[in-house]
Protein backbone atom coordinates (compact mmCIF):
# COMPACT_ATOMS: atom_id res chain seq x y z
CA MET A 1 23.47 12.45 25.87
CA ASN A 2 20.20 10.99 25.60
CA ASN A 3 17.58 11.98 22.74
CA TRP A 4 14.91 12.04 24.54
CA GLN A 5 12.85 15.03 22.69
CA PRO A 6 10.16 14.25 20.55
CA THR A 7 11.03 14.82 16.39
CA ALA A 8 7.84 16.54 15.13
CA THR A 9 6.81 20.23 17.23
CA ILE A 10 4.01 20.24 19.38
CA GLU A 11 2.57 22.63 17.17
CA VAL A 12 2.93 20.07 14.40
CA LEU A 13 1.70 17.00 16.69
CA LYS A 14 -1.40 19.61 17.26
CA LYS A 15 -2.30 19.98 13.43
CA ARG A 16 -2.28 15.89 12.95
CA ALA A 17 -4.64 15.40 15.48
CA GLU A 18 -6.63 17.97 13.61
CA LEU A 19 -6.71 16.14 10.64
CA MET A 20 -7.52 12.76 12.55
CA ILE A 21 -10.72 14.68 13.58
CA ASN A 22 -11.72 15.50 10.10
CA ILE A 23 -10.74 12.02 9.07
CA ARG A 24 -13.21 10.74 11.57
CA LYS A 25 -15.86 13.45 10.31
CA PHE A 26 -15.28 12.30 6.39
CA PHE A 27 -16.48 8.31 7.06
CA GLN A 28 -19.10 9.50 9.85
CA LYS A 29 -20.75 11.68 6.96
CA LYS A 30 -20.73 8.71 4.81
CA ASN A 31 -21.87 6.24 7.79
CA ILE A 32 -18.80 3.85 7.73
CA LEU A 33 -17.86 1.77 10.43
CA GLU A 34 -14.54 2.47 12.48
CA VAL A 35 -13.33 -0.80 13.39
CA GLU A 36 -10.23 -1.79 15.66
CA THR A 37 -8.27 -5.16 15.21
CA PRO A 38 -4.99 -6.68 16.03
CA VAL A 39 -1.87 -5.44 15.40
CA SER A 40 -0.34 -8.95 16.26
CA SER A 41 -1.20 -12.18 14.29
CA ALA A 42 0.11 -15.60 14.01
CA THR A 43 0.20 -15.13 10.27
CA THR A 44 1.19 -12.56 8.29
CA ILE A 45 1.33 -11.61 4.24
CA PRO A 46 3.60 -14.23 2.41
CA ASP A 47 4.87 -11.49 -0.02
CA PRO A 48 8.13 -11.35 -0.75
CA ASN A 49 8.73 -7.69 -1.13
CA ILE A 50 6.96 -7.00 2.29
CA VAL A 51 9.12 -8.51 5.50
CA SER A 52 7.39 -8.62 8.55
CA LEU A 53 8.41 -7.81 12.14
CA LYS A 54 7.99 -10.95 14.42
CA THR A 55 7.66 -11.38 18.16
CA THR A 56 6.87 -13.94 20.94
CA LEU A 57 3.46 -14.29 22.86
CA LEU A 58 2.85 -17.51 24.99
CA GLY A 59 5.64 -19.13 23.61
CA LYS A 60 4.30 -18.75 19.82
CA THR A 61 6.00 -16.52 17.12
CA TYR A 62 3.42 -13.80 16.26
CA TYR A 63 3.97 -10.76 13.79
CA LEU A 64 3.17 -7.43 13.97
CA GLN A 65 1.06 -6.24 11.47
CA THR A 66 1.70 -4.85 7.80
CA SER A 67 -1.36 -3.71 7.54
CA PRO A 68 -4.87 -4.71 9.66
CA GLU A 69 -6.40 -6.16 5.77
CA PHE A 70 -6.53 -9.94 6.93
CA HIS A 71 -8.35 -8.84 10.03
CA MET A 72 -10.59 -6.29 8.33
CA LYS A 73 -11.64 -8.67 5.77
CA ARG A 74 -12.57 -11.44 8.34
CA LEU A 75 -15.13 -8.73 9.76
CA LEU A 76 -16.21 -8.29 6.28
CA ALA A 77 -17.21 -12.05 5.39
CA ALA A 78 -19.00 -11.60 9.36
CA GLY A 79 -21.00 -8.79 7.64
CA SER A 80 -19.63 -5.70 9.06
CA GLY A 81 -20.34 -3.56 5.84
CA CYS A 82 -18.21 -0.43 4.89
CA ILE A 83 -15.57 0.19 7.61
CA TYR A 84 -12.20 1.41 7.83
CA GLN A 85 -9.28 1.06 10.76
CA ILE A 86 -6.56 3.93 11.58
CA SER A 87 -3.98 1.64 13.17
CA LYS A 88 -0.14 0.90 13.74
CA ALA A 89 1.52 -1.07 11.09
CA PHE A 90 5.02 -2.51 10.91
CA ARG A 91 7.44 -3.39 8.49
CA ASP A 92 11.11 -4.40 8.83
CA ASP A 93 12.27 -1.44 6.09
CA GLU A 94 14.59 1.25 5.57
CA ILE A 95 14.43 4.29 7.51
CA SER A 96 14.24 7.52 5.52
CA ARG A 97 13.16 10.77 4.77
CA ILE A 98 9.69 8.97 4.05
CA HIS A 99 9.82 5.16 5.50
CA ASN A 100 9.51 4.52 9.21
CA PRO A 101 9.44 1.05 10.41
CA GLU A 102 6.71 1.83 12.63
CA PHE A 103 3.61 3.35 10.47
CA THR A 104 0.25 4.49 11.04
CA MET A 105 -2.13 3.35 8.38
CA LEU A 106 -5.62 4.51 7.16
CA GLU A 107 -7.34 1.81 5.48
CA TRP A 108 -11.54 1.39 4.52
CA TYR A 109 -13.25 -0.30 2.48
CA ARG A 110 -16.14 -0.23 0.43
CA LEU A 111 -18.82 -2.69 -0.72
CA ASN A 112 -20.36 -3.08 -4.13
CA PHE A 113 -17.55 -0.66 -5.57
CA ASN A 114 -14.73 -1.38 -8.30
CA ALA A 115 -11.42 -0.23 -8.17
CA HIS A 116 -12.73 3.14 -10.45
CA GLU A 117 -15.72 3.97 -7.76
CA LEU A 118 -13.23 3.74 -5.41
CA MET A 119 -10.87 6.07 -6.94
CA LEU A 120 -13.22 8.59 -6.68
CA GLU A 121 -13.93 8.34 -3.51
CA ILE A 122 -10.49 8.95 -2.58
CA ASP A 123 -10.17 11.44 -4.78
CA GLU A 124 -13.39 13.20 -3.03
CA PHE A 125 -11.48 12.50 0.21
CA LEU A 126 -7.78 14.26 -1.14
CA GLN A 127 -10.08 17.22 -2.07
CA THR A 128 -11.86 17.10 1.61
CA LEU A 129 -8.66 16.92 3.35
CA LEU A 130 -6.17 18.50 1.67
CA ASN A 131 -8.10 20.71 -0.76
CA THR A 132 -6.67 19.22 -3.92
CA LYS A 133 -7.49 19.61 -7.21
CA PRO A 134 -8.99 16.98 -9.10
CA ALA A 135 -7.24 14.47 -9.91
CA ILE A 136 -4.94 12.90 -13.35
CA TYR A 137 -5.63 9.06 -14.22
CA PHE A 138 -3.45 6.90 -16.13
CA SER A 139 -3.11 3.64 -16.63
CA TYR A 140 -0.19 1.58 -15.14
CA GLU A 141 1.06 0.97 -19.13
CA ASN A 142 0.10 4.57 -20.43
CA ILE A 143 2.19 6.33 -17.59
CA PHE A 144 5.31 4.04 -18.92
CA LEU A 145 4.66 4.41 -22.32
CA LYS A 146 3.84 8.67 -21.60
CA PHE A 147 7.03 9.24 -19.25
CA LEU A 148 9.69 6.15 -20.70
CA ASN A 149 8.16 4.85 -24.13
CA ILE A 150 8.34 1.85 -23.26
CA ASN A 151 5.27 -0.70 -22.39
CA PRO A 152 5.72 -2.43 -19.45
CA LEU A 153 3.62 -5.64 -20.26
CA GLN A 154 5.33 -5.85 -23.61
CA ALA A 155 8.62 -5.33 -22.90
CA SER A 156 11.32 -8.02 -21.96
CA ILE A 157 13.45 -8.06 -18.87
CA PHE A 158 16.21 -7.19 -21.30
CA GLU A 159 14.60 -4.17 -22.87
CA LEU A 160 13.43 -3.54 -19.23
CA SER A 161 17.62 -3.36 -18.30
CA GLU A 162 18.44 -1.63 -21.23
CA LYS A 163 15.89 1.58 -20.61
CA ALA A 164 17.32 1.53 -16.81
CA GLU A 165 20.89 1.64 -18.23
CA GLU A 166 19.34 4.61 -20.57
CA HIS A 167 18.72 6.72 -17.35
CA ASN A 168 22.01 5.80 -15.62
CA ILE A 169 20.20 3.05 -12.79
CA THR A 170 22.69 1.27 -11.87
CA VAL A 171 22.41 -2.03 -8.99
CA GLN A 172 24.56 -4.71 -8.72
CA GLY A 173 23.37 -7.78 -8.27
CA LEU A 174 20.52 -7.72 -10.56
CA ASN A 175 21.84 -9.69 -13.55
CA ASP A 176 18.90 -12.38 -12.40
CA ALA A 177 15.91 -9.76 -11.67
CA CYS A 178 12.63 -10.80 -12.37
CA LYS A 179 10.70 -8.68 -14.62
CA ASP A 180 8.63 -6.81 -11.42
CA THR A 181 12.25 -5.69 -10.12
CA TRP A 182 12.73 -3.75 -13.20
CA LEU A 183 9.84 -2.58 -13.12
CA ASN A 184 9.45 -1.60 -9.57
CA LEU A 185 13.02 0.68 -10.35
CA LEU A 186 11.72 2.10 -13.31
CA MET A 187 8.53 3.45 -11.72
CA SER A 188 10.41 4.43 -8.53
CA HIS A 189 13.18 6.27 -10.07
CA CYS A 190 12.08 7.54 -13.41
CA ILE A 191 8.14 7.52 -12.99
CA GLU A 192 7.04 8.82 -9.57
CA PRO A 193 9.72 11.55 -9.17
CA LYS A 194 7.39 13.01 -12.10
CA LEU A 195 4.22 12.89 -10.60
CA ASN A 196 4.12 16.19 -8.92
CA GLU A 197 1.61 18.50 -10.06
CA GLU A 198 1.23 20.93 -7.64
CA ASN A 199 -1.63 19.94 -5.16
CA GLN A 200 -2.96 17.33 -7.75
CA PRO A 201 -2.87 13.24 -7.40
CA TYR A 202 -1.69 10.71 -9.74
CA PHE A 203 -4.02 7.42 -9.94
CA ILE A 204 -1.94 5.13 -11.93
CA TYR A 205 -4.50 1.64 -12.39
CA ASP A 206 -4.03 -1.64 -14.20
CA PHE A 207 -0.79 -2.93 -12.56
CA PRO A 208 0.65 -6.13 -14.02
CA ILE A 209 -0.97 -9.04 -12.59
CA SER A 210 1.78 -10.01 -10.92
CA GLN A 211 2.33 -6.84 -8.96
CA ALA A 212 -1.56 -7.41 -7.31
CA ALA A 213 -2.03 -10.68 -5.34
CA LEU A 214 -4.84 -9.41 -3.72
CA ALA A 215 -6.98 -7.97 -6.70
CA LYS A 216 -9.16 -9.44 -9.23
CA GLN A 217 -7.92 -9.82 -12.19
CA SER A 218 -9.29 -7.46 -15.07
CA LYS A 219 -12.12 -8.83 -17.46
CA GLN A 220 -10.76 -6.41 -20.06
CA ASP A 221 -7.02 -7.33 -19.99
CA PRO A 222 -6.01 -11.04 -18.45
CA ARG A 223 -2.42 -9.52 -18.00
CA VAL A 224 -3.13 -6.97 -15.97
CA ALA A 225 -5.09 -6.87 -12.03
CA GLU A 226 -7.52 -4.08 -10.90
CA ARG A 227 -5.10 -2.75 -8.60
CA PHE A 228 -4.23 1.42 -8.50
CA GLU A 229 -2.17 3.13 -6.46
CA VAL A 230 -2.03 7.39 -5.92
CA TYR A 231 0.86 9.66 -5.94
CA LEU A 232 0.68 12.90 -4.40
CA HIS A 233 3.74 16.05 -4.91
CA GLY A 234 6.14 12.57 -6.64
CA MET A 235 5.17 10.53 -3.45
CA GLU A 236 3.25 7.10 -2.92
CA LEU A 237 0.40 7.60 -0.69
CA ALA A 238 -2.48 4.50 -0.91
CA ASN A 239 -2.35 1.39 -2.55
CA GLY A 240 -5.83 -0.34 -3.48
CA PHE A 241 -7.60 -3.18 -4.92
CA HIS A 242 -10.62 -4.42 -6.24
CA GLU A 243 -10.69 -7.28 -4.20
CA LEU A 244 -10.08 -10.72 -4.98
CA THR A 245 -13.08 -13.06 -3.38
CA ASP A 246 -12.15 -16.51 -4.66
CA ALA A 247 -10.62 -18.35 -1.56
CA SER A 248 -8.79 -21.27 -4.21
CA GLU A 249 -7.50 -17.85 -6.37
CA GLN A 250 -6.11 -16.47 -3.47
CA LYS A 251 -4.65 -20.09 -2.05
CA HIS A 252 -2.86 -20.36 -5.26
CA ARG A 253 -1.78 -16.85 -5.37
CA PHE A 254 -0.08 -17.24 -1.87
CA GLU A 255 1.63 -20.59 -2.82
CA ASN A 256 3.53 -18.39 -5.77
CA TYR A 257 4.56 -15.94 -3.52
CA LEU A 258 6.64 -18.83 -1.00
CA LYS A 259 7.93 -20.31 -3.80
CA ALA A 260 9.22 -16.58 -4.69
CA ARG A 261 10.40 -16.20 -1.00
CA SER A 262 12.46 -19.42 -1.26
CA THR A 263 13.65 -18.49 -4.46
CA LEU A 264 14.86 -15.51 -2.73
CA GLY A 265 16.35 -17.41 0.46
CA MET A 266 13.66 -15.49 2.72
CA GLU A 267 11.89 -17.11 5.51
CA ALA A 268 8.86 -18.74 4.77
CA VAL A 269 5.87 -17.53 6.99
CA PRO A 270 2.49 -19.61 7.75
CA ILE A 271 -0.52 -19.30 5.06
CA PRO A 272 -3.11 -16.94 6.52
CA ASP A 273 -5.64 -19.72 6.78
CA ASN A 274 -8.09 -17.78 8.91
CA PHE A 275 -8.39 -15.23 6.01
CA LEU A 276 -8.77 -17.57 3.41
CA ALA A 277 -11.15 -19.48 5.75
CA ALA A 278 -13.24 -16.40 5.61
CA LEU A 279 -12.76 -15.70 1.89
CA ARG A 280 -14.68 -19.46 1.70
CA HIS A 281 -17.41 -18.46 4.02
CA GLY A 282 -18.45 -15.99 1.48
CA PHE A 283 -16.94 -12.72 0.90
CA PRO A 284 -18.61 -9.38 -0.44
CA ALA A 285 -18.22 -7.87 -3.32
CA CYS A 286 -15.97 -4.69 -2.42
CA SER A 287 -12.62 -2.53 -2.63
CA GLY A 288 -10.33 -1.49 0.11
CA VAL A 289 -7.06 1.12 -0.17
CA ALA A 290 -4.46 1.42 2.17
CA LEU A 291 -3.30 4.92 2.93
CA GLY A 292 -0.13 6.22 4.83
CA ILE A 293 -1.41 8.38 7.57
CA ASP A 294 1.98 10.03 8.36
CA ARG A 295 2.70 11.19 4.29
CA LEU A 296 -0.60 12.27 4.74
CA VAL A 297 0.27 14.54 7.18
CA MET A 298 3.49 15.57 5.85
CA LEU A 299 1.62 16.95 3.02
CA TYR A 300 -0.82 18.61 5.51
CA CYS A 301 1.26 20.49 7.47
CA ARG A 302 4.20 20.71 4.32
CA LYS A 303 6.82 18.63 5.82
CA THR A 304 9.31 16.84 3.63
CA ARG A 305 10.18 13.95 6.05
CA ILE A 306 8.22 11.85 8.16
CA ARG A 307 10.52 12.45 11.29
CA GLU A 308 8.74 16.13 11.47
CA VAL A 309 5.18 14.56 11.44
CA ILE A 310 5.86 11.80 14.29
CA SER A 311 6.58 12.09 18.02
CA PHE A 312 9.39 9.64 18.40
CA THR A 313 11.02 7.77 15.36
CA ALA A 314 12.46 4.19 15.39
CA GLU A 315 15.86 5.65 16.07
CA ASN A 316 14.71 7.64 19.01
CA SER A 317 11.79 5.69 20.78
């Protein structure tokens, strides 16, 4: 029997459309330009934690974009000013309560904003769209100390693995895992579920620099970068950066990513040379954020599964 029916109700789809109108009103009031960029490209981000979907166009390999970031940054380098985009993104990832391989992303960039200034605007955005309470702010270091009593910047891999065992986190094949793998496990299993104050976002900032390939290194603490994440009701909602503008440093980080992919036995991907050329041309000081629209709609409609807020999932598309 064919499963032709949408997974979201028509009532939810109407509320989704209502939310999209309100999002555009928010940016219109701030005079931020809406843009459109391609969803396919000859290059993709080499981050080993993100697996791109591939296709073939005109006999060449193209990648369905994991985010519109590189194209939007090329527009910024060309003088676009502050911009935003609502677009489809694709990742060869799990299908779960909050994941679908094809999803909708809102991304915006603010010239001459640092990470903390952009966090304040996102807080305003959430209060406007979801009527949330003013946010709670924690550094990455302090959130680990608060909930796990361990310093993520100083702890050894052994100490992190012991902490995971203490919280009954057992994953096969992690004997040779890097420090960031353990940190990510502890974050997702032990910390994220606790970031669930009723209708009040958490902003976690100053991530380890090894987890922030596109962000500026902190001037106050070289161990961290000016990256932040936003959580609401225990769910990651957004990921932002004070954007790196140094083309040489960005290329170096991409090369490190490619080495990591090789170590993990992953396929190599081309370095995004057009993006690096835009940085070399002269990239404006700015901060940017990517926010999951589908998860925002889940919160807006008080739904618990992503399939309840999108027309058709990967399983019945």
